[in-house]
Amino acid sequence: MAENKNLNADNPIARQHDPHRLLRIFGRTILYAVLIFWALVQLFPLYWMFTFSLKDNHEIFHLNPIGLPLEWRWSNYEDVIEHASMLTYLFNSTIVSAATILIVSVVGMMAAYALSRMIWRGRSLAHNFFMLGLAIPIHAALLPVFIILRDLQLLNTRFALILPYSAFALSMGILIFIGFITGIPKELEESACIDGCSIYGIFLRIITPLMAPAISVVAIFTFLQCWNELLFANTYVTAPMLRTLTAGIMALSGQYRTEWGPIGAGLTIATVPTLILYTLLSEKVQKSLILGAIKG
């Protein structure tokens, strides 16, 4: 019997008619087909946004809504860059997002380390207080935050967006950082303490370098929240030169007529930094998810 099995294994004709092999090939083909279809579904919005950014209204709504542009109107990009101050909006969004990511990363890691490693009275209460922020919708605080910013005379400044964005992103950041810090062996900190390292040295030299995957995850979540937010940006900042991308793109729509080609160009410009950031940090995000699964 063993000799017959070896003969069948060495026979190419027998391998071609092996039912198990045919079943595996069929299953793999179905899997690849489903994955390719899902990839096309995910990529289609990007394709559609890019193509309609190069069309006029007649081609978008009547003549050719889905296909490639009949005439590639690169003038739509020139309009939003030169006449709509899109580069200014892009700069403002970059400043707000970068400042928010920096604040959330630094404060979040410090708070997470204090809540997960240090023992002090009121630690559990402070943890619950921070986690309460996850249950509050960001736009539910629109009016209270507006009153606070008005009293502090921060309306129509970049701080009117940086401070609320940082406050509402801090809870999620602390939650992610705590999950990673609890997975770091305490023996590393104990060894550093024996060598004479202070609590600040342990945090800066031991904990912070090991938190790179978690920082990447928090940076992406915080960036998406800041980059795509509209209601705060349109309420707290009305000065044209301080608008962010979302508020600036919304201002492109006219009262009686809207040119959707330039709006599509603005949306494409706003999407490119998100794709670049995720491309740069995707490897660290995947490592963080794997580490989180192993720790879980």
C-alpha atoms as a PDB file:
ATOM      1  CA  MET A   1       0.000   0.000   0.000  1.00  0.00           C
ATOM      2  CA  ALA A   2       2.776   2.401   0.874  1.00  0.00           C
ATOM      3  CA  GLU A   3       4.450   1.635  -2.437  1.00  0.00           C
ATOM      4  CA  ASN A   4       1.212   2.379  -4.342  1.00  0.00           C
ATOM      5  CA  LYS A   5       0.801   5.708  -2.534  1.00  0.00           C
ATOM      6  CA  ASN A   6       4.348   6.677  -3.470  1.00  0.00           C
ATOM      7  CA  LEU A   7       3.690   5.747  -7.083  1.00  0.00           C
ATOM      8  CA  ASN A   8       0.533   7.857  -7.129  1.00  0.00           C
ATOM      9  CA  ALA A   9       2.373  10.764  -5.578  1.00  0.00           C
ATOM     10  CA  ASP A  10       5.093  10.588  -8.222  1.00  0.00           C
ATOM     11  CA  ASN A  11       2.599  10.232 -11.061  1.00  0.00           C
ATOM     12  CA  PRO A  12       1.662  13.677 -12.502  1.00  0.00           C
ATOM     13  CA  ILE A  13      -1.557  12.316 -14.011  1.00  0.00           C
ATOM     14  CA  ALA A  14      -2.656  10.976 -10.630  1.00  0.00           C
ATOM     15  CA  ARG A  15      -1.889  14.316  -8.984  1.00  0.00           C
ATOM     16  CA  GLN A  16      -4.001  16.164 -11.545  1.00  0.00           C
ATOM     17  CA  HIS A  17      -7.024  13.979 -10.734  1.00  0.00           C
ATOM     18  CA  ASP A  18      -6.511  14.036  -6.964  1.00  0.00           C
ATOM     19  CA  PRO A  19      -9.915  15.179  -5.580  1.00  0.00           C
ATOM     20  CA  HIS A  20      -8.343  16.809  -2.504  1.00  0.00           C
ATOM     21  CA  ARG A  21      -5.935  18.811  -4.658  1.00  0.00           C
ATOM     22  CA  LEU A  22      -8.727  19.901  -6.987  1.00  0.00           C
ATOM     23  CA  LEU A  23     -10.814  20.942  -3.980  1.00  0.00           C
ATOM     24  CA  ARG A  24      -7.939  23.024  -2.597  1.00  0.00           C
ATOM     25  CA  ILE A  25      -7.413  24.732  -5.960  1.00  0.00           C
ATOM     26  CA  PHE A  26     -11.126  25.470  -6.243  1.00  0.00           C
ATOM     27  CA  GLY A  27     -11.261  26.905  -2.718  1.00  0.00           C
ATOM     28  CA  ARG A  28      -8.175  29.036  -3.329  1.00  0.00           C
ATOM     29  CA  THR A  29      -9.652  30.349  -6.583  1.00  0.00           C
ATOM     30  CA  ILE A  30     -12.890  31.329  -4.835  1.00  0.00           C
ATOM     31  CA  LEU A  31     -10.915  33.025  -2.048  1.00  0.00           C
ATOM     32  CA  TYR A  32      -8.819  35.053  -4.498  1.00  0.00           C
ATOM     33  CA  ALA A  33     -11.919  36.026  -6.462  1.00  0.00           C
ATOM     34  CA  VAL A  34     -13.647  37.275  -3.297  1.00  0.00           C
ATOM     35  CA  LEU A  35     -10.532  39.186  -2.192  1.00  0.00           C
ATOM     36  CA  ILE A  36     -10.104  40.802  -5.623  1.00  0.00           C
ATOM     37  CA  PHE A  37     -13.774  41.791  -5.666  1.00  0.00           C
ATOM     38  CA  TRP A  38     -13.504  43.270  -2.157  1.00  0.00           C
ATOM     39  CA  ALA A  39     -10.347  45.187  -3.128  1.00  0.00           C
ATOM     40  CA  LEU A  40     -12.163  46.669  -6.129  1.00  0.00           C
ATOM     41  CA  VAL A  41     -15.098  47.666  -3.913  1.00  0.00           C
ATOM     42  CA  GLN A  42     -12.704  49.453  -1.535  1.00  0.00           C
ATOM     43  CA  LEU A  43     -10.746  51.158  -4.325  1.00  0.00           C
ATOM     44  CA  PHE A  44     -13.743  52.272  -6.375  1.00  0.00           C
ATOM     45  CA  PRO A  45     -14.540  55.368  -4.212  1.00  0.00           C
ATOM     46  CA  LEU A  46     -10.962  56.587  -4.691  1.00  0.00           C
ATOM     47  CA  TYR A  47     -11.185  56.013  -8.443  1.00  0.00           C
ATOM     48  CA  TRP A  48     -14.569  57.753  -8.648  1.00  0.00           C
ATOM     49  CA  MET A  49     -13.410  60.722  -6.580  1.00  0.00           C
ATOM     50  CA  PHE A  50     -10.316  61.193  -8.738  1.00  0.00           C
ATOM     51  CA  THR A  51     -12.205  60.898 -12.030  1.00  0.00           C
ATOM     52  CA  PHE A  52     -15.019  63.276 -11.101  1.00  0.00           C
ATOM     53  CA  SER A  53     -12.408  65.808  -9.930  1.00  0.00           C
ATOM     54  CA  LEU A  54     -11.413  66.061 -13.617  1.00  0.00           C
ATOM     55  CA  LYS A  55     -14.907  66.601 -15.045  1.00  0.00           C
ATOM     56  CA  ASP A  56     -17.485  69.369 -15.257  1.00  0.00           C
ATOM     57  CA  ASN A  57     -21.018  69.217 -13.890  1.00  0.00           C
ATOM     58  CA  HIS A  58     -22.590  68.050 -17.156  1.00  0.00           C
ATOM     59  CA  GLU A  59     -20.215  65.118 -17.459  1.00  0.00           C
ATOM     60  CA  ILE A  60     -20.534  64.197 -13.768  1.00  0.00           C
ATOM     61  CA  PHE A  61     -24.328  64.078 -13.622  1.00  0.00           C
ATOM     62  CA  HIS A  62     -25.441  63.282 -17.179  1.00  0.00           C
ATOM     63  CA  LEU A  63     -22.864  62.381 -19.775  1.00  0.00           C
ATOM     64  CA  ASN A  64     -20.256  60.195 -18.054  1.00  0.00           C
ATOM     65  CA  PRO A  65     -20.683  59.778 -14.281  1.00  0.00           C
ATOM     66  CA  ILE A  66     -18.484  56.666 -13.772  1.00  0.00           C
ATOM     67  CA  GLY A  67     -16.096  56.371 -16.717  1.00  0.00           C
ATOM     68  CA  LEU A  68     -12.809  58.115 -17.319  1.00  0.00           C
ATOM     69  CA  PRO A  69     -13.068  61.818 -18.158  1.00  0.00           C
ATOM     70  CA  LEU A  70     -13.732  62.629 -21.775  1.00  0.00           C
ATOM     71  CA  GLU A  71     -11.663  65.758 -21.238  1.00  0.00           C
ATOM     72  CA  TRP A  72      -9.129  65.780 -18.426  1.00  0.00           C
ATOM     73  CA  ARG A  73      -9.812  69.114 -16.727  1.00  0.00           C
ATOM     74  CA  TRP A  74      -6.664  69.708 -14.668  1.00  0.00           C
ATOM     75  CA  SER A  75      -7.890  73.291 -14.428  1.00  0.00           C
ATOM     76  CA  ASN A  76     -10.100  72.130 -11.529  1.00  0.00           C
ATOM     77  CA  TYR A  77      -6.955  71.619  -9.448  1.00  0.00           C
ATOM     78  CA  GLU A  78      -5.596  74.974 -10.538  1.00  0.00           C
ATOM     79  CA  ASP A  79      -8.834  76.635  -9.434  1.00  0.00           C
ATOM     80  CA  VAL A  80      -8.837  75.171  -5.915  1.00  0.00           C
ATOM     81  CA  ILE A  81      -5.127  75.807  -5.401  1.00  0.00           C
ATOM     82  CA  GLU A  82      -4.921  79.338  -6.799  1.00  0.00           C
ATOM     83  CA  HIS A  83      -8.380  80.789  -6.186  1.00  0.00           C
ATOM     84  CA  ALA A  84      -9.758  78.771  -3.255  1.00  0.00           C
ATOM     85  CA  SER A  85      -6.700  78.966  -0.951  1.00  0.00           C
ATOM     86  CA  MET A  86      -6.552  75.173  -0.752  1.00  0.00           C
ATOM     87  CA  LEU A  87      -2.862  75.193   0.174  1.00  0.00           C
ATOM     88  CA  THR A  88      -3.664  77.488   3.102  1.00  0.00           C
ATOM     89  CA  TYR A  89      -6.389  75.111   4.255  1.00  0.00           C
ATOM     90  CA  LEU A  90      -3.993  72.203   3.866  1.00  0.00           C
ATOM     91  CA  PHE A  91      -1.396  73.999   5.981  1.00  0.00           C
ATOM     92  CA  ASN A  92      -3.945  74.771   8.703  1.00  0.00           C
ATOM     93  CA  SER A  93      -5.150  71.165   8.829  1.00  0.00           C
ATOM     94  CA  THR A  94      -1.568  69.928   9.015  1.00  0.00           C
ATOM     95  CA  ILE A  95      -0.731  72.252  11.914  1.00  0.00           C
ATOM     96  CA  VAL A  96      -3.888  71.338  13.844  1.00  0.00           C
ATOM     97  CA  SER A  97      -3.484  67.591  13.260  1.00  0.00           C
ATOM     98  CA  ALA A  98       0.240  67.539  14.090  1.00  0.00           C
ATOM     99  CA  ALA A  99      -0.235  69.531  17.295  1.00  0.00           C
ATOM    100  CA  THR A 100      -3.133  67.306  18.357  1.00  0.00           C
ATOM    101  CA  ILE A 101      -1.168  64.107  17.692  1.00  0.00           C
ATOM    102  CA  LEU A 102       1.777  65.455  19.685  1.00  0.00           C
ATOM    103  CA  ILE A 103      -0.383  66.424  22.675  1.00  0.00           C
ATOM    104  CA  VAL A 104      -2.358  63.170  22.688  1.00  0.00           C
ATOM    105  CA  SER A 105       0.784  61.037  22.342  1.00  0.00           C
ATOM    106  CA  VAL A 106       2.779  62.764  25.090  1.00  0.00           C
ATOM    107  CA  VAL A 107      -0.038  63.290  27.591  1.00  0.00           C
ATOM    108  CA  GLY A 108      -1.624  59.934  26.785  1.00  0.00           C
ATOM    109  CA  MET A 109       1.581  57.952  27.378  1.00  0.00           C
ATOM    110  CA  MET A 110       2.307  59.781  30.625  1.00  0.00           C
ATOM    111  CA  ALA A 111      -1.232  59.263  31.902  1.00  0.00           C
ATOM    112  CA  ALA A 112      -1.252  55.616  30.811  1.00  0.00           C
ATOM    113  CA  TYR A 113       2.030  54.941  32.603  1.00  0.00           C
ATOM    114  CA  ALA A 114       0.773  56.604  35.774  1.00  0.00           C
ATOM    115  CA  LEU A 115      -2.504  54.666  35.656  1.00  0.00           C
ATOM    116  CA  SER A 116      -1.005  51.275  34.864  1.00  0.00           C
ATOM    117  CA  ARG A 117       2.321  51.211  36.712  1.00  0.00           C
ATOM    118  CA  MET A 118       2.224  53.708  39.571  1.00  0.00           C
ATOM    119  CA  ILE A 119       0.182  53.110  42.703  1.00  0.00           C
ATOM    120  CA  TRP A 120      -1.490  56.196  44.169  1.00  0.00           C
ATOM    121  CA  ARG A 121      -4.741  57.146  45.820  1.00  0.00           C
ATOM    122  CA  GLY A 122      -7.519  57.874  43.377  1.00  0.00           C
ATOM    123  CA  ARG A 123      -5.937  55.942  40.500  1.00  0.00           C
ATOM    124  CA  SER A 124      -9.089  53.923  39.794  1.00  0.00           C
ATOM    125  CA  LEU A 125     -11.250  57.056  39.916  1.00  0.00           C
ATOM    126  CA  ALA A 126      -8.929  58.867  37.520  1.00  0.00           C
ATOM    127  CA  HIS A 127      -8.968  55.900  35.152  1.00  0.00           C
ATOM    128  CA  ASN A 128     -12.770  55.840  35.126  1.00  0.00           C
ATOM    129  CA  PHE A 129     -12.834  59.602  34.585  1.00  0.00           C
ATOM    130  CA  PHE A 130     -10.638  59.341  31.494  1.00  0.00           C
ATOM    131  CA  MET A 131     -12.594  56.373  30.129  1.00  0.00           C
ATOM    132  CA  LEU A 132     -15.814  58.361  30.542  1.00  0.00           C
ATOM    133  CA  GLY A 133     -14.677  60.392  27.560  1.00  0.00           C
ATOM    134  CA  LEU A 134     -15.288  57.370  25.322  1.00  0.00           C
ATOM    135  CA  ALA A 135     -18.994  57.492  26.139  1.00  0.00           C
ATOM    136  CA  ILE A 136     -19.463  61.180  25.269  1.00  0.00           C
ATOM    137  CA  PRO A 137     -20.057  61.946  21.570  1.00  0.00           C
ATOM    138  CA  ILE A 138     -17.681  64.654  20.452  1.00  0.00           C
ATOM    139  CA  HIS A 139     -20.388  66.837  18.911  1.00  0.00           C
ATOM    140  CA  ALA A 140     -22.611  66.616  22.000  1.00  0.00           C
ATOM    141  CA  ALA A 141     -20.258  69.130  23.633  1.00  0.00           C
ATOM    142  CA  LEU A 142     -20.477  71.625  20.784  1.00  0.00           C
ATOM    143  CA  LEU A 143     -22.219  74.390  22.754  1.00  0.00           C
ATOM    144  CA  PRO A 144     -20.381  73.992  26.113  1.00  0.00           C
ATOM    145  CA  VAL A 145     -17.004  73.980  24.366  1.00  0.00           C
ATOM    146  CA  PHE A 146     -18.042  77.025  22.328  1.00  0.00           C
ATOM    147  CA  ILE A 147     -18.887  78.948  25.512  1.00  0.00           C
ATOM    148  CA  ILE A 148     -15.574  77.968  27.129  1.00  0.00           C
ATOM    149  CA  LEU A 149     -13.572  78.996  24.071  1.00  0.00           C
ATOM    150  CA  ARG A 150     -15.510  82.266  23.834  1.00  0.00           C
ATOM    151  CA  ASP A 151     -14.772  83.107  27.482  1.00  0.00           C
ATOM    152  CA  LEU A 152     -11.103  82.276  26.966  1.00  0.00           C
ATOM    153  CA  GLN A 153     -11.067  84.376  23.767  1.00  0.00           C
ATOM    154  CA  LEU A 154      -9.766  81.451  21.736  1.00  0.00           C
ATOM    155  CA  LEU A 155     -12.378  81.506  18.969  1.00  0.00           C
ATOM    156  CA  ASN A 156     -10.931  82.028  15.469  1.00  0.00           C
ATOM    157  CA  THR A 157      -7.563  80.632  16.532  1.00  0.00           C
ATOM    158  CA  ARG A 158      -5.970  77.270  15.869  1.00  0.00           C
ATOM    159  CA  PHE A 159      -6.176  76.508  19.596  1.00  0.00           C
ATOM    160  CA  ALA A 160      -9.977  76.525  19.237  1.00  0.00           C
ATOM    161  CA  LEU A 161      -9.550  73.233  17.344  1.00  0.00           C
ATOM    162  CA  ILE A 162      -6.371  71.808  18.859  1.00  0.00           C
ATOM    163  CA  LEU A 163      -7.635  71.811  22.452  1.00  0.00           C
ATOM    164  CA  PRO A 164     -11.044  70.146  21.846  1.00  0.00           C
ATOM    165  CA  TYR A 165      -9.551  67.619  19.423  1.00  0.00           C
ATOM    166  CA  SER A 166      -6.872  66.697  21.959  1.00  0.00           C
ATOM    167  CA  ALA A 167      -9.367  66.395  24.812  1.00  0.00           C
ATOM    168  CA  PHE A 168     -11.714  64.098  22.922  1.00  0.00           C
ATOM    169  CA  ALA A 169      -8.921  61.945  21.476  1.00  0.00           C
ATOM    170  CA  LEU A 170      -7.153  61.516  24.816  1.00  0.00           C
ATOM    171  CA  SER A 171      -9.457  58.786  26.171  1.00  0.00           C
ATOM    172  CA  MET A 172      -8.886  56.469  23.222  1.00  0.00           C
ATOM    173  CA  GLY A 173      -5.158  57.201  23.305  1.00  0.00           C
ATOM    174  CA  ILE A 174      -4.899  56.348  27.000  1.00  0.00           C
ATOM    175  CA  LEU A 175      -6.868  53.145  26.467  1.00  0.00           C
ATOM    176  CA  ILE A 176      -4.510  52.012  23.682  1.00  0.00           C
ATOM    177  CA  PHE A 177      -1.365  52.995  25.604  1.00  0.00           C
ATOM    178  CA  ILE A 178      -2.502  51.179  28.756  1.00  0.00           C
ATOM    179  CA  GLY A 179      -3.037  48.013  26.754  1.00  0.00           C
ATOM    180  CA  PHE A 180       0.543  48.127  25.498  1.00  0.00           C
ATOM    181  CA  ILE A 181       2.194  49.190  28.734  1.00  0.00           C
ATOM    182  CA  THR A 182       0.593  46.311  30.644  1.00  0.00           C
ATOM    183  CA  GLY A 183       2.216  43.944  28.137  1.00  0.00           C
ATOM    184  CA  ILE A 184       5.738  45.246  28.873  1.00  0.00           C
ATOM    185  CA  PRO A 185       7.512  43.055  31.458  1.00  0.00           C
ATOM    186  CA  LYS A 186       7.969  44.807  34.776  1.00  0.00           C
ATOM    187  CA  GLU A 187      11.393  43.203  35.097  1.00  0.00           C
ATOM    188  CA  LEU A 188      12.756  45.759  32.616  1.00  0.00           C
ATOM    189  CA  GLU A 189      11.731  48.617  34.872  1.00  0.00           C
ATOM    190  CA  GLU A 190      12.959  46.829  37.989  1.00  0.00           C
ATOM    191  CA  SER A 191      16.381  46.268  36.403  1.00  0.00           C
ATOM    192  CA  ALA A 192      16.600  49.921  35.401  1.00  0.00           C
ATOM    193  CA  CYS A 193      15.574  50.971  38.905  1.00  0.00           C
ATOM    194  CA  ILE A 194      18.315  48.783  40.427  1.00  0.00           C
ATOM    195  CA  ASP A 195      20.824  50.455  38.097  1.00  0.00           C
ATOM    196  CA  GLY A 196      19.802  53.814  39.559  1.00  0.00           C
ATOM    197  CA  CYS A 197      17.390  55.026  36.896  1.00  0.00           C
ATOM    198  CA  SER A 198      14.680  57.403  38.145  1.00  0.00           C
ATOM    199  CA  ILE A 199      10.973  57.069  37.337  1.00  0.00           C
ATOM    200  CA  TYR A 200      11.368  59.700  34.625  1.00  0.00           C
ATOM    201  CA  GLY A 201      14.377  57.915  33.174  1.00  0.00           C
ATOM    202  CA  ILE A 202      12.481  54.618  33.103  1.00  0.00           C
ATOM    203  CA  PHE A 203       9.614  56.254  31.255  1.00  0.00           C
ATOM    204  CA  LEU A 204      11.834  58.027  28.714  1.00  0.00           C
ATOM    205  CA  ARG A 205      14.505  55.358  28.162  1.00  0.00           C
ATOM    206  CA  ILE A 206      12.615  52.091  28.671  1.00  0.00           C
ATOM    207  CA  ILE A 207       8.888  52.606  28.094  1.00  0.00           C
ATOM    208  CA  THR A 208       8.810  55.240  25.350  1.00  0.00           C
ATOM    209  CA  PRO A 209      11.005  53.373  22.800  1.00  0.00           C
ATOM    210  CA  LEU A 210       8.886  50.240  23.238  1.00  0.00           C
ATOM    211  CA  MET A 211       5.688  52.170  22.569  1.00  0.00           C
ATOM    212  CA  ALA A 212       6.407  52.946  18.903  1.00  0.00           C
ATOM    213  CA  PRO A 213       3.678  50.613  17.531  1.00  0.00           C
ATOM    214  CA  ALA A 214       1.116  52.047  19.943  1.00  0.00           C
ATOM    215  CA  ILE A 215       2.123  55.602  19.034  1.00  0.00           C
ATOM    216  CA  SER A 216       1.543  54.760  15.365  1.00  0.00           C
ATOM    217  CA  VAL A 217      -1.952  53.458  16.099  1.00  0.00           C
ATOM    218  CA  VAL A 218      -2.854  56.494  18.200  1.00  0.00           C
ATOM    219  CA  ALA A 219      -1.390  58.829  15.567  1.00  0.00           C
ATOM    220  CA  ILE A 220      -3.521  57.344  12.797  1.00  0.00           C
ATOM    221  CA  PHE A 221      -6.752  57.380  14.821  1.00  0.00           C
ATOM    222  CA  THR A 222      -6.108  60.934  16.027  1.00  0.00           C
ATOM    223  CA  PHE A 223      -5.135  62.129  12.564  1.00  0.00           C
ATOM    224  CA  LEU A 224      -8.305  60.756  10.981  1.00  0.00           C
ATOM    225  CA  GLN A 225     -10.443  62.370  13.670  1.00  0.00           C
ATOM    226  CA  CYS A 226      -8.812  65.780  13.229  1.00  0.00           C
ATOM    227  CA  TRP A 227      -8.419  65.665   9.463  1.00  0.00           C
ATOM    228  CA  ASN A 228     -12.038  64.733   8.706  1.00  0.00           C
ATOM    229  CA  GLU A 229     -13.850  66.714  11.406  1.00  0.00           C
ATOM    230  CA  LEU A 230     -16.167  69.442  10.108  1.00  0.00           C
ATOM    231  CA  LEU A 231     -18.640  70.668  12.739  1.00  0.00           C
ATOM    232  CA  PHE A 232     -16.079  72.058  15.202  1.00  0.00           C
ATOM    233  CA  ALA A 233     -13.952  73.440  12.364  1.00  0.00           C
ATOM    234  CA  ASN A 234     -16.938  75.246  10.857  1.00  0.00           C
ATOM    235  CA  THR A 235     -18.247  76.556  14.194  1.00  0.00           C
ATOM    236  CA  TYR A 236     -15.174  77.633  16.144  1.00  0.00           C
ATOM    237  CA  VAL A 237     -13.140  79.034  13.232  1.00  0.00           C
ATOM    238  CA  THR A 238     -14.840  81.389  10.786  1.00  0.00           C
ATOM    239  CA  ALA A 239     -11.799  83.377   9.633  1.00  0.00           C
ATOM    240  CA  PRO A 240     -11.112  82.360   5.998  1.00  0.00           C
ATOM    241  CA  MET A 241      -7.337  82.180   6.459  1.00  0.00           C
ATOM    242  CA  LEU A 242      -7.649  79.820   9.465  1.00  0.00           C
ATOM    243  CA  ARG A 243     -10.074  77.340   7.921  1.00  0.00           C
ATOM    244  CA  THR A 244      -9.151  73.684   7.743  1.00  0.00           C
ATOM    245  CA  LEU A 245      -9.606  71.522   4.665  1.00  0.00           C
ATOM    246  CA  THR A 246     -13.089  70.274   5.514  1.00  0.00           C
ATOM    247  CA  ALA A 247     -14.451  73.755   6.174  1.00  0.00           C
ATOM    248  CA  GLY A 248     -12.643  75.144   3.135  1.00  0.00           C
ATOM    249  CA  ILE A 249     -14.055  72.469   0.820  1.00  0.00           C
ATOM    250  CA  MET A 250     -17.554  73.076   2.176  1.00  0.00           C
ATOM    251  CA  ALA A 251     -17.123  76.778   1.383  1.00  0.00           C
ATOM    252  CA  LEU A 252     -16.622  75.875  -2.295  1.00  0.00           C
ATOM    253  CA  SER A 253     -20.315  75.076  -2.692  1.00  0.00           C
ATOM    254  CA  GLY A 254     -22.211  78.096  -4.001  1.00  0.00           C
ATOM    255  CA  GLN A 255     -25.606  79.383  -2.960  1.00  0.00           C
ATOM    256  CA  TYR A 256     -27.195  79.003  -6.402  1.00  0.00           C
ATOM    257  CA  ARG A 257     -24.739  76.891  -8.374  1.00  0.00           C
ATOM    258  CA  THR A 258     -21.993  74.494  -7.336  1.00  0.00           C
ATOM    259  CA  GLU A 259     -19.094  73.368  -9.499  1.00  0.00           C
ATOM    260  CA  TRP A 260     -18.475  69.813  -8.342  1.00  0.00           C
ATOM    261  CA  GLY A 261     -15.260  69.306 -10.294  1.00  0.00           C
ATOM    262  CA  PRO A 262     -13.200  71.663  -8.097  1.00  0.00           C
ATOM    263  CA  ILE A 263     -14.839  70.172  -4.996  1.00  0.00           C
ATOM    264  CA  GLY A 264     -13.681  66.744  -6.161  1.00  0.00           C
ATOM    265  CA  ALA A 265     -10.197  68.167  -6.669  1.00  0.00           C
ATOM    266  CA  GLY A 266     -10.237  69.512  -3.122  1.00  0.00           C
ATOM    267  CA  LEU A 267     -11.384  66.139  -1.764  1.00  0.00           C
ATOM    268  CA  THR A 268      -8.593  64.405  -3.659  1.00  0.00           C
ATOM    269  CA  ILE A 269      -6.007  66.794  -2.236  1.00  0.00           C
ATOM    270  CA  ALA A 270      -7.420  66.183   1.252  1.00  0.00           C
ATOM    271  CA  THR A 271      -7.265  62.403   0.802  1.00  0.00           C
ATOM    272  CA  VAL A 272      -3.643  62.175  -0.348  1.00  0.00           C
ATOM    273  CA  PRO A 273      -2.047  62.941   3.085  1.00  0.00           C
ATOM    274  CA  THR A 274      -4.221  60.268   4.701  1.00  0.00           C
ATOM    275  CA  LEU A 275      -3.039  57.656   2.221  1.00  0.00           C
ATOM    276  CA  ILE A 276       0.591  58.729   2.661  1.00  0.00           C
ATOM    277  CA  LEU A 277       0.383  58.579   6.472  1.00  0.00           C
ATOM    278  CA  TYR A 278      -1.197  55.142   6.466  1.00  0.00           C
ATOM    279  CA  THR A 279       1.385  53.872   3.959  1.00  0.00           C
ATOM    280  CA  LEU A 280       4.224  55.070   6.189  1.00  0.00           C
ATOM    281  CA  LEU A 281       2.732  53.686   9.416  1.00  0.00           C
ATOM    282  CA  SER A 282       0.854  50.624   8.166  1.00  0.00           C
ATOM    283  CA  GLU A 283       3.671  48.213   9.039  1.00  0.00           C
ATOM    284  CA  LYS A 284       3.816  49.425  12.634  1.00  0.00           C
ATOM    285  CA  VAL A 285       0.026  49.272  12.893  1.00  0.00           C
ATOM    286  CA  GLN A 286       0.025  45.672  11.700  1.00  0.00           C
ATOM    287  CA  LYS A 287       2.750  44.789  14.207  1.00  0.00           C
ATOM    288  CA  SER A 288       0.754  46.432  16.976  1.00  0.00           C
ATOM    289  CA  LEU A 289      -2.344  44.436  16.077  1.00  0.00           C
ATOM    290  CA  ILE A 290      -0.316  41.211  16.104  1.00  0.00           C
ATOM    291  CA  LEU A 291       1.218  42.067  19.453  1.00  0.00           C
ATOM    292  CA  GLY A 292      -2.198  42.922  20.848  1.00  0.00           C
ATOM    293  CA  ALA A 293      -3.593  39.592  19.652  1.00  0.00           C
ATOM    294  CA  ILE A 294      -0.695  37.684  21.233  1.00  0.00           C
ATOM    295  CA  LYS A 295      -1.069  39.537  24.522  1.00  0.00           C
ATOM    296  CA  GLY A 296      -4.816  38.931  24.489  1.00  0.00           C
END
